[in-house]
PDB file of N, CA and C in Angstrom:
ATOM      1  N   VAL A   1       0.848  -1.185   0.000  1.00  0.00           N
ATOM      2  CA  VAL A   1       0.000   0.000   0.000  1.00  0.00           C
ATOM      3  C   VAL A   1       0.887   1.239   0.000  1.00  0.00           C
ATOM      4  N   GLN A   2       0.514   2.176  -0.856  1.00  0.00           N
ATOM      5  CA  GLN A   2       1.245   3.449  -0.893  1.00  0.00           C
ATOM      6  C   GLN A   2       0.262   4.607  -0.899  1.00  0.00           C
ATOM      7  N   LEU A   3       0.594   5.634  -0.137  1.00  0.00           N
ATOM      8  CA  LEU A   3      -0.159   6.877  -0.129  1.00  0.00           C
ATOM      9  C   LEU A   3       0.801   7.988  -0.512  1.00  0.00           C
ATOM     10  N   GLN A   4       0.486   8.687  -1.587  1.00  0.00           N
ATOM     11  CA  GLN A   4       1.360   9.728  -2.102  1.00  0.00           C
ATOM     12  C   GLN A   4       0.652  11.068  -1.986  1.00  0.00           C
ATOM     13  N   ALA A   5       1.120  11.883  -1.053  1.00  0.00           N
ATOM     14  CA  ALA A   5       0.523  13.208  -0.829  1.00  0.00           C
ATOM     15  C   ALA A   5       1.278  14.265  -1.620  1.00  0.00           C
ATOM     16  N   SER A   6       0.534  15.263  -2.072  1.00  0.00           N
ATOM     17  CA  SER A   6       1.150  16.372  -2.800  1.00  0.00           C
ATOM     18  C   SER A   6       0.294  17.615  -2.650  1.00  0.00           C
ATOM     19  N   GLY A   7       0.849  18.753  -3.071  1.00  0.00           N
ATOM     20  CA  GLY A   7       0.074  19.979  -3.096  1.00  0.00           C
ATOM     21  C   GLY A   7       0.436  21.003  -2.051  1.00  0.00           C
ATOM     22  N   GLY A   8       1.332  20.669  -1.149  1.00  0.00           N
ATOM     23  CA  GLY A   8       1.723  21.643  -0.136  1.00  0.00           C
ATOM     24  C   GLY A   8       2.518  22.788  -0.733  1.00  0.00           C
ATOM     25  N   GLY A   9       2.733  23.816   0.072  1.00  0.00           N
ATOM     26  CA  GLY A   9       3.498  24.951  -0.401  1.00  0.00           C
ATOM     27  C   GLY A   9       3.360  26.119   0.534  1.00  0.00           C
ATOM     28  N   LEU A  10       3.802  27.272   0.056  1.00  0.00           N
ATOM     29  CA  LEU A  10       3.755  28.515   0.830  1.00  0.00           C
ATOM     30  C   LEU A  10       2.610  29.372   0.302  1.00  0.00           C
ATOM     31  N   VAL A  11       1.806  29.869   1.214  1.00  0.00           N
ATOM     32  CA  VAL A  11       0.663  30.698   0.838  1.00  0.00           C
ATOM     33  C   VAL A  11       0.478  31.782   1.884  1.00  0.00           C
ATOM     34  N   GLN A  12      -0.072  32.898   1.468  1.00  0.00           N
ATOM     35  CA  GLN A  12      -0.353  33.972   2.418  1.00  0.00           C
ATOM     36  C   GLN A  12      -1.643  33.692   3.165  1.00  0.00           C
ATOM     37  N   ALA A  13      -1.747  34.248   4.341  1.00  0.00           N
ATOM     38  CA  ALA A  13      -2.974  34.126   5.121  1.00  0.00           C
ATOM     39  C   ALA A  13      -4.163  34.597   4.293  1.00  0.00           C
ATOM     40  N   GLY A  14      -5.240  33.816   4.375  1.00  0.00           N
ATOM     41  CA  GLY A  14      -6.428  34.111   3.573  1.00  0.00           C
ATOM     42  C   GLY A  14      -6.459  33.396   2.248  1.00  0.00           C
ATOM     43  N   GLY A  15      -5.338  32.808   1.875  1.00  0.00           N
ATOM     44  CA  GLY A  15      -5.243  32.114   0.607  1.00  0.00           C
ATOM     45  C   GLY A  15      -5.759  30.687   0.668  1.00  0.00           C
ATOM     46  N   SER A  16      -5.572  29.965  -0.437  1.00  0.00           N
ATOM     47  CA  SER A  16      -6.080  28.611  -0.571  1.00  0.00           C
ATOM     48  C   SER A  16      -5.005  27.670  -1.118  1.00  0.00           C
ATOM     49  N   LEU A  17      -5.142  26.421  -0.776  1.00  0.00           N
ATOM     50  CA  LEU A  17      -4.322  25.352  -1.333  1.00  0.00           C
ATOM     51  C   LEU A  17      -5.196  24.113  -1.438  1.00  0.00           C
ATOM     52  N   ARG A  18      -4.845  23.232  -2.357  1.00  0.00           N
ATOM     53  CA  ARG A  18      -5.514  21.944  -2.434  1.00  0.00           C
ATOM     54  C   ARG A  18      -4.483  20.837  -2.355  1.00  0.00           C
ATOM     55  N   LEU A  19      -4.661  19.978  -1.382  1.00  0.00           N
ATOM     56  CA  LEU A  19      -3.802  18.811  -1.218  1.00  0.00           C
ATOM     57  C   LEU A  19      -4.445  17.601  -1.881  1.00  0.00           C
ATOM     58  N   SER A  20      -3.606  16.732  -2.401  1.00  0.00           N
ATOM     59  CA  SER A  20      -4.074  15.490  -3.003  1.00  0.00           C
ATOM     60  C   SER A  20      -3.350  14.316  -2.364  1.00  0.00           C
ATOM     61  N   CYS A  21      -4.032  13.201  -2.311  1.00  0.00           N
ATOM     62  CA  CYS A  21      -3.398  11.978  -1.812  1.00  0.00           C
ATOM     63  C   CYS A  21      -3.880  10.824  -2.668  1.00  0.00           C
ATOM     64  N   ALA A  22      -2.957  10.236  -3.408  1.00  0.00           N
ATOM     65  CA  ALA A  22      -3.275   9.097  -4.250  1.00  0.00           C
ATOM     66  C   ALA A  22      -2.933   7.811  -3.502  1.00  0.00           C
ATOM     67  N   ALA A  23      -3.922   6.953  -3.371  1.00  0.00           N
ATOM     68  CA  ALA A  23      -3.736   5.688  -2.663  1.00  0.00           C
ATOM     69  C   ALA A  23      -3.656   4.541  -3.663  1.00  0.00           C
ATOM     70  N   SER A  24      -2.774   3.620  -3.426  1.00  0.00           N
ATOM     71  CA  SER A  24      -2.636   2.472  -4.321  1.00  0.00           C
ATOM     72  C   SER A  24      -2.297   1.226  -3.512  1.00  0.00           C
ATOM     73  N   GLY A  25      -2.618   0.078  -4.086  1.00  0.00           N
ATOM     74  CA  GLY A  25      -2.251  -1.180  -3.478  1.00  0.00           C
ATOM     75  C   GLY A  25      -3.272  -1.760  -2.529  1.00  0.00           C
ATOM     76  N   GLY A  26      -4.480  -1.178  -2.490  1.00  0.00           N
ATOM     77  CA  GLY A  26      -5.480  -1.724  -1.595  1.00  0.00           C
ATOM     78  C   GLY A  26      -6.805  -1.010  -1.724  1.00  0.00           C
ATOM     79  N   THR A  27      -7.778  -1.495  -0.994  1.00  0.00           N
ATOM     80  CA  THR A  27      -9.068  -0.811  -0.898  1.00  0.00           C
ATOM     81  C   THR A  27      -9.250  -0.340   0.533  1.00  0.00           C
ATOM     82  N   PHE A  28      -9.936   0.778   0.691  1.00  0.00           N
ATOM     83  CA  PHE A  28      -9.974   1.439   1.979  1.00  0.00           C
ATOM     84  C   PHE A  28     -11.387   1.827   2.374  1.00  0.00           C
ATOM     85  N   TYR A  29     -11.662   1.705   3.656  1.00  0.00           N
ATOM     86  CA  TYR A  29     -12.953   2.145   4.171  1.00  0.00           C
ATOM     87  C   TYR A  29     -13.032   3.667   4.174  1.00  0.00           C
ATOM     88  N   SER A  30     -11.947   4.303   4.570  1.00  0.00           N
ATOM     89  CA  SER A  30     -11.921   5.755   4.583  1.00  0.00           C
ATOM     90  C   SER A  30     -10.508   6.260   4.351  1.00  0.00           C
ATOM     91  N   LEU A  31     -10.433   7.489   3.891  1.00  0.00           N
ATOM     92  CA  LEU A  31      -9.167   8.198   3.736  1.00  0.00           C
ATOM     93  C   LEU A  31      -9.271   9.495   4.511  1.00  0.00           C
ATOM     94  N   GLY A  32      -8.192   9.875   5.132  1.00  0.00           N
ATOM     95  CA  GLY A  32      -8.252  11.068   5.963  1.00  0.00           C
ATOM     96  C   GLY A  32      -6.987  11.889   5.915  1.00  0.00           C
ATOM     97  N   TRP A  33      -7.049  13.033   6.592  1.00  0.00           N
ATOM     98  CA  TRP A  33      -5.918  13.936   6.699  1.00  0.00           C
ATOM     99  C   TRP A  33      -5.658  14.267   8.163  1.00  0.00           C
ATOM    100  N   PHE A  34      -4.404  14.257   8.519  1.00  0.00           N
ATOM    101  CA  PHE A  34      -3.929  14.708   9.808  1.00  0.00           C
ATOM    102  C   PHE A  34      -2.863  15.768   9.550  1.00  0.00           C
ATOM    103  N   ARG A  35      -2.512  16.491  10.586  1.00  0.00           N
ATOM    104  CA  ARG A  35      -1.412  17.438  10.460  1.00  0.00           C
ATOM    105  C   ARG A  35      -0.619  17.489  11.760  1.00  0.00           C
ATOM    106  N   ARG A  36       0.654  17.869  11.606  1.00  0.00           N
ATOM    107  CA  ARG A  36       1.506  18.056  12.763  1.00  0.00           C
ATOM    108  C   ARG A  36       2.168  19.413  12.661  1.00  0.00           C
ATOM    109  N   ALA A  37       1.752  20.307  13.526  1.00  0.00           N
ATOM    110  CA  ALA A  37       2.331  21.645  13.582  1.00  0.00           C
ATOM    111  C   ALA A  37       3.613  21.601  14.401  1.00  0.00           C
ATOM    112  N   PRO A  38       4.501  22.557  14.209  1.00  0.00           N
ATOM    113  CA  PRO A  38       5.759  22.565  14.968  1.00  0.00           C
ATOM    114  C   PRO A  38       5.515  22.498  16.465  1.00  0.00           C
ATOM    115  N   GLY A  39       6.134  21.540  17.123  1.00  0.00           N
ATOM    116  CA  GLY A  39       6.026  21.416  18.564  1.00  0.00           C
ATOM    117  C   GLY A  39       4.730  20.815  19.062  1.00  0.00           C
ATOM    118  N   LYS A  40       3.901  20.326  18.154  1.00  0.00           N
ATOM    119  CA  LYS A  40       2.611  19.780  18.568  1.00  0.00           C
ATOM    120  C   LYS A  40       2.462  18.332  18.116  1.00  0.00           C
ATOM    121  N   GLU A  41       1.458  17.683  18.681  1.00  0.00           N
ATOM    122  CA  GLU A  41       1.140  16.319  18.290  1.00  0.00           C
ATOM    123  C   GLU A  41       0.405  16.310  16.938  1.00  0.00           C
ATOM    124  N   ARG A  42       0.475  15.163  16.285  1.00  0.00           N
ATOM    125  CA  ARG A  42      -0.288  15.000  15.062  1.00  0.00           C
ATOM    126  C   ARG A  42      -1.782  14.999  15.397  1.00  0.00           C
ATOM    127  N   GLU A  43      -2.554  15.794  14.677  1.00  0.00           N
ATOM    128  CA  GLU A  43      -3.966  15.923  14.991  1.00  0.00           C
ATOM    129  C   GLU A  43      -4.836  15.632  13.769  1.00  0.00           C
ATOM    130  N   PHE A  44      -6.029  15.140  14.074  1.00  0.00           N
ATOM    131  CA  PHE A  44      -7.005  14.851  13.040  1.00  0.00           C
ATOM    132  C   PHE A  44      -7.502  16.136  12.401  1.00  0.00           C
ATOM    133  N   ILE A  45      -7.673  16.108  11.061  1.00  0.00           N
ATOM    134  CA  ILE A  45      -8.221  17.245  10.347  1.00  0.00           C
ATOM    135  C   ILE A  45      -9.549  16.886   9.692  1.00  0.00           C
ATOM    136  N   ALA A  46      -9.560  15.836   8.898  1.00  0.00           N
ATOM    137  CA  ALA A  46     -10.766  15.457   8.179  1.00  0.00           C
ATOM    138  C   ALA A  46     -10.625  14.034   7.681  1.00  0.00           C
ATOM    139  N   ARG A  47     -11.773  13.415   7.419  1.00  0.00           N
ATOM    140  CA  ARG A  47     -11.753  12.111   6.798  1.00  0.00           C
ATOM    141  C   ARG A  47     -13.037  11.932   6.017  1.00  0.00           C
ATOM    142  N   ILE A  48     -12.999  11.020   5.044  1.00  0.00           N
ATOM    143  CA  ILE A  48     -14.179  10.724   4.254  1.00  0.00           C
ATOM    144  C   ILE A  48     -14.228   9.230   3.978  1.00  0.00           C
ATOM    145  N   GLU A  49     -15.381   8.670   4.192  1.00  0.00           N
ATOM    146  CA  GLU A  49     -15.577   7.265   3.874  1.00  0.00           C
ATOM    147  C   GLU A  49     -15.765   7.128   2.369  1.00  0.00           C
ATOM    148  N   THR A  50     -15.314   6.056   1.810  1.00  0.00           N
ATOM    149  CA  THR A  50     -15.402   5.884   0.361  1.00  0.00           C
ATOM    150  C   THR A  50     -16.842   5.745  -0.106  1.00  0.00           C
ATOM    151  N   ALA A  51     -17.743   5.372   0.808  1.00  0.00           N
ATOM    152  CA  ALA A  51     -19.144   5.189   0.438  1.00  0.00           C
ATOM    153  C   ALA A  51     -19.991   6.431   0.695  1.00  0.00           C
ATOM    154  N   ARG A  52     -19.394   7.508   1.182  1.00  0.00           N
ATOM    155  CA  ARG A  52     -20.146   8.715   1.509  1.00  0.00           C
ATOM    156  C   ARG A  52     -19.678   9.905   0.669  1.00  0.00           C
ATOM    157  N   LEU A  53     -20.557  10.872   0.539  1.00  0.00           N
ATOM    158  CA  LEU A  53     -20.220  12.102  -0.177  1.00  0.00           C
ATOM    159  C   LEU A  53     -19.625  13.153   0.744  1.00  0.00           C
ATOM    160  N   TYR A  54     -19.928  13.060   2.031  1.00  0.00           N
ATOM    161  CA  TYR A  54     -19.545  14.122   2.944  1.00  0.00           C
ATOM    162  C   TYR A  54     -18.541  13.619   3.965  1.00  0.00           C
ATOM    163  N   GLY A  55     -17.714  14.538   4.447  1.00  0.00           N
ATOM    164  CA  GLY A  55     -16.677  14.158   5.380  1.00  0.00           C
ATOM    165  C   GLY A  55     -16.956  14.590   6.801  1.00  0.00           C
ATOM    166  N   ASP A  56     -16.047  14.215   7.667  1.00  0.00           N
ATOM    167  CA  ASP A  56     -16.045  14.623   9.065  1.00  0.00           C
ATOM    168  C   ASP A  56     -14.836  15.512   9.273  1.00  0.00           C
ATOM    169  N   TYR A  57     -14.991  16.529  10.130  1.00  0.00           N
ATOM    170  CA  TYR A  57     -13.952  17.548  10.272  1.00  0.00           C
ATOM    171  C   TYR A  57     -13.633  17.862  11.713  1.00  0.00           C
ATOM    172  N   ALA A  58     -12.412  18.295  11.922  1.00  0.00           N
ATOM    173  CA  ALA A  58     -12.057  18.899  13.203  1.00  0.00           C
ATOM    174  C   ALA A  58     -12.717  20.268  13.290  1.00  0.00           C
ATOM    175  N   ASP A  59     -13.063  20.672  14.487  1.00  0.00           N
ATOM    176  CA  ASP A  59     -13.713  21.965  14.675  1.00  0.00           C
ATOM    177  C   ASP A  59     -12.846  23.115  14.164  1.00  0.00           C
ATOM    178  N   SER A  60     -11.542  22.946  14.262  1.00  0.00           N
ATOM    179  CA  SER A  60     -10.626  24.030  13.894  1.00  0.00           C
ATOM    180  C   SER A  60     -10.630  24.348  12.399  1.00  0.00           C
ATOM    181  N   VAL A  61     -11.126  23.426  11.585  1.00  0.00           N
ATOM    182  CA  VAL A  61     -11.100  23.642  10.131  1.00  0.00           C
ATOM    183  C   VAL A  61     -12.492  23.621   9.506  1.00  0.00           C
ATOM    184  N   LYS A  62     -13.492  23.314  10.304  1.00  0.00           N
ATOM    185  CA  LYS A  62     -14.852  23.207   9.781  1.00  0.00           C
ATOM    186  C   LYS A  62     -15.276  24.537   9.153  1.00  0.00           C
ATOM    187  N   GLY A  63     -15.831  24.465   7.960  1.00  0.00           N
ATOM    188  CA  GLY A  63     -16.247  25.670   7.254  1.00  0.00           C
ATOM    189  C   GLY A  63     -15.157  26.270   6.382  1.00  0.00           C
ATOM    190  N   ARG A  64     -13.910  25.860   6.575  1.00  0.00           N
ATOM    191  CA  ARG A  64     -12.798  26.384   5.764  1.00  0.00           C
ATOM    192  C   ARG A  64     -12.206  25.307   4.867  1.00  0.00           C
ATOM    193  N   PHE A  65     -12.154  24.078   5.363  1.00  0.00           N
ATOM    194  CA  PHE A  65     -11.569  22.968   4.609  1.00  0.00           C
ATOM    195  C   PHE A  65     -12.681  22.052   4.118  1.00  0.00           C
ATOM    196  N   THR A  66     -12.460  21.471   2.957  1.00  0.00           N
ATOM    197  CA  THR A  66     -13.404  20.510   2.403  1.00  0.00           C
ATOM    198  C   THR A  66     -12.640  19.291   1.910  1.00  0.00           C
ATOM    199  N   ILE A  67     -13.060  18.130   2.381  1.00  0.00           N
ATOM    200  CA  ILE A  67     -12.457  16.880   1.925  1.00  0.00           C
ATOM    201  C   ILE A  67     -13.375  16.265   0.873  1.00  0.00           C
ATOM    202  N   SER A  68     -12.762  15.707  -0.144  1.00  0.00           N
ATOM    203  CA  SER A  68     -13.529  15.035  -1.193  1.00  0.00           C
ATOM    204  C   SER A  68     -12.704  13.869  -1.714  1.00  0.00           C
ATOM    205  N   ARG A  69     -13.343  12.998  -2.472  1.00  0.00           N
ATOM    206  CA  ARG A  69     -12.597  11.860  -2.991  1.00  0.00           C
ATOM    207  C   ARG A  69     -13.076  11.496  -4.386  1.00  0.00           C
ATOM    208  N   ASP A  70     -12.188  10.906  -5.136  1.00  0.00           N
ATOM    209  CA  ASP A  70     -12.481  10.348  -6.443  1.00  0.00           C
ATOM    210  C   ASP A  70     -12.186   8.861  -6.346  1.00  0.00           C
ATOM    211  N   ASN A  71     -13.217   8.076  -6.168  1.00  0.00           N
ATOM    212  CA  ASN A  71     -13.015   6.646  -5.954  1.00  0.00           C
ATOM    213  C   ASN A  71     -12.387   5.964  -7.172  1.00  0.00           C
ATOM    214  N   ALA A  72     -12.713   6.465  -8.353  1.00  0.00           N
ATOM    215  CA  ALA A  72     -12.148   5.859  -9.556  1.00  0.00           C
ATOM    216  C   ALA A  72     -10.639   6.008  -9.593  1.00  0.00           C
ATOM    217  N   LYS A  73     -10.152   7.108  -9.020  1.00  0.00           N
ATOM    218  CA  LYS A  73      -8.712   7.352  -8.984  1.00  0.00           C
ATOM    219  C   LYS A  73      -8.104   6.969  -7.648  1.00  0.00           C
ATOM    220  N   ASN A  74      -8.951   6.522  -6.701  1.00  0.00           N
ATOM    221  CA  ASN A  74      -8.484   6.208  -5.350  1.00  0.00           C
ATOM    222  C   ASN A  74      -7.688   7.384  -4.770  1.00  0.00           C
ATOM    223  N   THR A  75      -8.246   8.559  -4.938  1.00  0.00           N
ATOM    224  CA  THR A  75      -7.567   9.786  -4.528  1.00  0.00           C
ATOM    225  C   THR A  75      -8.483  10.602  -3.632  1.00  0.00           C
ATOM    226  N   VAL A  76      -7.906  11.174  -2.588  1.00  0.00           N
ATOM    227  CA  VAL A  76      -8.637  12.062  -1.698  1.00  0.00           C
ATOM    228  C   VAL A  76      -8.005  13.449  -1.793  1.00  0.00           C
ATOM    229  N   TYR A  77      -8.843  14.467  -1.693  1.00  0.00           N
ATOM    230  CA  TYR A  77      -8.398  15.851  -1.796  1.00  0.00           C
ATOM    231  C   TYR A  77      -8.764  16.606  -0.524  1.00  0.00           C
ATOM    232  N   LEU A  78      -7.988  17.608  -0.221  1.00  0.00           N
ATOM    233  CA  LEU A  78      -8.309  18.514   0.876  1.00  0.00           C
ATOM    234  C   LEU A  78      -8.191  19.933   0.343  1.00  0.00           C
ATOM    235  N   GLN A  79      -9.337  20.553   0.120  1.00  0.00           N
ATOM    236  CA  GLN A  79      -9.373  21.943  -0.299  1.00  0.00           C
ATOM    237  C   GLN A  79      -9.329  22.821   0.939  1.00  0.00           C
ATOM    238  N   MET A  80      -8.316  23.653   1.023  1.00  0.00           N
ATOM    239  CA  MET A  80      -8.117  24.483   2.209  1.00  0.00           C
ATOM    240  C   MET A  80      -8.269  25.944   1.816  1.00  0.00           C
ATOM    241  N   ASN A  81      -9.278  26.572   2.361  1.00  0.00           N
ATOM    242  CA  ASN A  81      -9.552  27.986   2.079  1.00  0.00           C
ATOM    243  C   ASN A  81      -9.381  28.809   3.357  1.00  0.00           C
ATOM    244  N   SER A  82      -9.287  30.096   3.180  1.00  0.00           N
ATOM    245  CA  SER A  82      -9.153  31.020   4.316  1.00  0.00           C
ATOM    246  C   SER A  82      -8.063  30.555   5.265  1.00  0.00           C
ATOM    247  N   LEU A  83      -6.933  30.235   4.719  1.00  0.00           N
ATOM    248  CA  LEU A  83      -5.843  29.690   5.523  1.00  0.00           C
ATOM    249  C   LEU A  83      -5.319  30.709   6.519  1.00  0.00           C
ATOM    250  N   LYS A  84      -4.922  30.197   7.676  1.00  0.00           N
ATOM    251  CA  LYS A  84      -4.398  31.012   8.765  1.00  0.00           C
ATOM    252  C   LYS A  84      -2.972  30.565   9.081  1.00  0.00           C
ATOM    253  N   PRO A  85      -2.187  31.435   9.666  1.00  0.00           N
ATOM    254  CA  PRO A  85      -0.829  31.026  10.044  1.00  0.00           C
ATOM    255  C   PRO A  85      -0.817  29.771  10.937  1.00  0.00           C
ATOM    256  N   GLU A  86      -1.826  29.605  11.763  1.00  0.00           N
ATOM    257  CA  GLU A  86      -1.877  28.427  12.633  1.00  0.00           C
ATOM    258  C   GLU A  86      -2.199  27.135  11.879  1.00  0.00           C
ATOM    259  N   ASP A  87      -2.499  27.233  10.595  1.00  0.00           N
ATOM    260  CA  ASP A  87      -2.655  26.036   9.771  1.00  0.00           C
ATOM    261  C   ASP A  87      -1.306  25.510   9.276  1.00  0.00           C
ATOM    262  N   THR A  88      -0.247  26.245   9.542  1.00  0.00           N
ATOM    263  CA  THR A  88       1.082  25.807   9.141  1.00  0.00           C
ATOM    264  C   THR A  88       1.416  24.482   9.812  1.00  0.00           C
ATOM    265  N   ALA A  89       1.744  23.486   9.003  1.00  0.00           N
ATOM    266  CA  ALA A  89       2.003  22.146   9.530  1.00  0.00           C
ATOM    267  C   ALA A  89       2.434  21.234   8.377  1.00  0.00           C
ATOM    268  N   VAL A  90       2.915  20.071   8.763  1.00  0.00           N
ATOM    269  CA  VAL A  90       3.065  18.993   7.782  1.00  0.00           C
ATOM    270  C   VAL A  90       1.749  18.223   7.768  1.00  0.00           C
ATOM    271  N   TYR A  91       1.194  18.067   6.586  1.00  0.00           N
ATOM    272  CA  TYR A  91      -0.084  17.384   6.438  1.00  0.00           C
ATOM    273  C   TYR A  91       0.149  15.963   5.921  1.00  0.00           C
ATOM    274  N   PHE A  92      -0.508  15.024   6.580  1.00  0.00           N
ATOM    275  CA  PHE A  92      -0.363  13.609   6.252  1.00  0.00           C
ATOM    276  C   PHE A  92      -1.705  13.036   5.826  1.00  0.00           C
ATOM    277  N   CYS A  93      -1.703  12.240   4.784  1.00  0.00           N
ATOM    278  CA  CYS A  93      -2.905  11.492   4.491  1.00  0.00           C
ATOM    279  C   CYS A  93      -2.785  10.110   5.116  1.00  0.00           C
ATOM    280  N   ALA A  94      -3.928   9.528   5.410  1.00  0.00           N
ATOM    281  CA  ALA A  94      -3.969   8.248   6.093  1.00  0.00           C
ATOM    282  C   ALA A  94      -5.116   7.419   5.551  1.00  0.00           C
ATOM    283  N   ALA A  95      -4.973   6.100   5.652  1.00  0.00           N
ATOM    284  CA  ALA A  95      -5.997   5.191   5.139  1.00  0.00           C
ATOM    285  C   ALA A  95      -6.386   4.187   6.205  1.00  0.00           C
ATOM    286  N   ASP A  96      -7.677   3.959   6.270  1.00  0.00           N
ATOM    287  CA  ASP A  96      -8.254   3.012   7.212  1.00  0.00           C
ATOM    288  C   ASP A  96      -8.971   1.928   6.406  1.00  0.00           C
ATOM    289  N   ARG A  97      -8.623   0.681   6.644  1.00  0.00           N
ATOM    290  CA  ARG A  97      -9.202  -0.393   5.829  1.00  0.00           C
ATOM    291  C   ARG A  97     -10.486  -0.962   6.392  1.00  0.00           C
ATOM    292  N   HIS A  98     -10.733  -0.782   7.670  1.00  0.00           N
ATOM    293  CA  HIS A  98     -11.803  -1.558   8.285  1.00  0.00           C
ATOM    294  C   HIS A  98     -12.965  -0.733   8.818  1.00  0.00           C
ATOM    295  N   GLY A  99     -12.805   0.540   8.952  1.00  0.00           N
ATOM    296  CA  GLY A  99     -13.867   1.355   9.529  1.00  0.00           C
ATOM    297  C   GLY A  99     -13.723   1.445  11.030  1.00  0.00           C
ATOM    298  N   THR A 100     -13.994   2.632  11.570  1.00  0.00           N
ATOM    299  CA  THR A 100     -13.847   2.835  13.007  1.00  0.00           C
ATOM    300  C   THR A 100     -14.705   4.006  13.441  1.00  0.00           C
ATOM    301  N   TRP A 101     -15.201   3.906  14.677  1.00  0.00           N
ATOM    302  CA  TRP A 101     -15.905   5.043  15.256  1.00  0.00           C
ATOM    303  C   TRP A 101     -14.909   6.090  15.744  1.00  0.00           C
ATOM    304  N   ASN A 102     -13.679   5.652  16.045  1.00  0.00           N
ATOM    305  CA  ASN A 102     -12.652   6.539  16.597  1.00  0.00           C
ATOM    306  C   ASN A 102     -11.787   7.144  15.486  1.00  0.00           C
ATOM    307  N   TYR A 103     -12.438   7.673  14.486  1.00  0.00           N
ATOM    308  CA  TYR A 103     -11.713   8.130  13.309  1.00  0.00           C
ATOM    309  C   TYR A 103     -10.816   9.328  13.593  1.00  0.00           C
ATOM    310  N   ARG A 104     -10.956   9.959  14.738  1.00  0.00           N
ATOM    311  CA  ARG A 104     -10.078  11.077  15.081  1.00  0.00           C
ATOM    312  C   ARG A 104      -8.741  10.614  15.662  1.00  0.00           C
ATOM    313  N   GLU A 105      -8.628   9.344  15.938  1.00  0.00           N
ATOM    314  CA  GLU A 105      -7.417   8.802  16.552  1.00  0.00           C
ATOM    315  C   GLU A 105      -6.471   8.289  15.479  1.00  0.00           C
ATOM    316  N   ARG A 106      -5.254   8.765  15.510  1.00  0.00           N
ATOM    317  CA  ARG A 106      -4.303   8.367  14.458  1.00  0.00           C
ATOM    318  C   ARG A 106      -3.983   6.884  14.509  1.00  0.00           C
ATOM    319  N   SER A 107      -4.135   6.268  15.679  1.00  0.00           N
ATOM    320  CA  SER A 107      -3.852   4.835  15.809  1.00  0.00           C
ATOM    321  C   SER A 107      -4.829   3.966  15.031  1.00  0.00           C
ATOM    322  N   GLU A 108      -5.957   4.552  14.610  1.00  0.00           N
ATOM    323  CA  GLU A 108      -6.973   3.788  13.888  1.00  0.00           C
ATOM    324  C   GLU A 108      -6.661   3.648  12.400  1.00  0.00           C
ATOM    325  N   TYR A 109      -5.623   4.321  11.933  1.00  0.00           N
ATOM    326  CA  TYR A 109      -5.292   4.303  10.505  1.00  0.00           C
ATOM    327  C   TYR A 109      -4.063   3.424  10.286  1.00  0.00           C
ATOM    328  N   GLU A 110      -4.197   2.491   9.362  1.00  0.00           N
ATOM    329  CA  GLU A 110      -3.136   1.513   9.144  1.00  0.00           C
ATOM    330  C   GLU A 110      -2.013   2.044   8.256  1.00  0.00           C
ATOM    331  N   TYR A 111      -2.341   2.958   7.362  1.00  0.00           N
ATOM    332  CA  TYR A 111      -1.357   3.387   6.375  1.00  0.00           C
ATOM    333  C   TYR A 111      -1.256   4.915   6.367  1.00  0.00           C
ATOM    334  N   TRP A 112      -0.038   5.367   6.105  1.00  0.00           N
ATOM    335  CA  TRP A 112       0.239   6.805   6.128  1.00  0.00           C
ATOM    336  C   TRP A 112       1.085   7.202   4.932  1.00  0.00           C
ATOM    337  N   GLY A 113       0.808   8.412   4.432  1.00  0.00           N
ATOM    338  CA  GLY A 113       1.654   9.003   3.413  1.00  0.00           C
ATOM    339  C   GLY A 113       2.842   9.697   4.045  1.00  0.00           C
ATOM    340  N   GLN A 114       3.684  10.259   3.206  1.00  0.00           N
ATOM    341  CA  GLN A 114       4.953  10.814   3.666  1.00  0.00           C
ATOM    342  C   GLN A 114       4.830  12.225   4.210  1.00  0.00           C
ATOM    343  N   GLY A 115       3.726  12.898   4.009  1.00  0.00           N
ATOM    344  CA  GLY A 115       3.573  14.253   4.509  1.00  0.00           C
ATOM    345  C   GLY A 115       3.927  15.299   3.467  1.00  0.00           C
ATOM    346  N   THR A 116       3.191  16.390   3.498  1.00  0.00           N
ATOM    347  CA  THR A 116       3.475  17.522   2.628  1.00  0.00           C
ATOM    348  C   THR A 116       3.363  18.790   3.462  1.00  0.00           C
ATOM    349  N   LEU A 117       4.318  19.690   3.306  1.00  0.00           N
ATOM    350  CA  LEU A 117       4.410  20.863   4.168  1.00  0.00           C
ATOM    351  C   LEU A 117       3.552  21.998   3.632  1.00  0.00           C
ATOM    352  N   VAL A 118       2.744  22.548   4.515  1.00  0.00           N
ATOM    353  CA  VAL A 118       1.953  23.743   4.218  1.00  0.00           C
ATOM    354  C   VAL A 118       2.426  24.854   5.143  1.00  0.00           C
ATOM    355  N   THR A 119       2.829  25.961   4.555  1.00  0.00           N
ATOM    356  CA  THR A 119       3.287  27.112   5.325  1.00  0.00           C
ATOM    357  C   THR A 119       2.405  28.297   4.973  1.00  0.00           C
ATOM    358  N   VAL A 120       1.790  28.881   6.002  1.00  0.00           N
ATOM    359  CA  VAL A 120       0.912  30.034   5.805  1.00  0.00           C
ATOM    360  C   VAL A 120       1.577  31.243   6.451  1.00  0.00           C
ATOM    361  N   SER A 121       1.890  32.221   5.642  1.00  0.00           N
ATOM    362  CA  SER A 121       2.560  33.411   6.154  1.00  0.00           C
ATOM    363  C   SER A 121       1.522  34.472   6.529  1.00  0.00           C
ATOM    364  N   SER A 122       1.875  35.260   7.530  1.00  0.00           N
ATOM    365  CA  SER A 122       0.929  36.290   8.000  1.00  0.00           C
ATOM    366  C   SER A 122       1.123  37.602   7.249  1.00  0.00           C
TER     367      SER A 122
END
């Protein structure tokens, strides 16, 4: 199984970025995004089940970020709008094969991508 994340970069506060994560080598119940800001723990951002149109979000990004997926391409996207300096972090995509109620817990995801850096300048 491989998860290939891309799309990170430098953006000014208020700007937008779209992250992509291409998954290969398996089928997944859900795909999600986590992030790790400098000096902080990795935290849940969003996830989407492959059978649903809508995702689940952390309160900190609700209304600004949108997760979507293209099942035909086995790819998940994270559209990030109204970015803030506190969104600066390495963003990781993750895959869960079996389904879980504890989708906010990083331990529930079996596979992880390599991370892509998002830097939001003030």
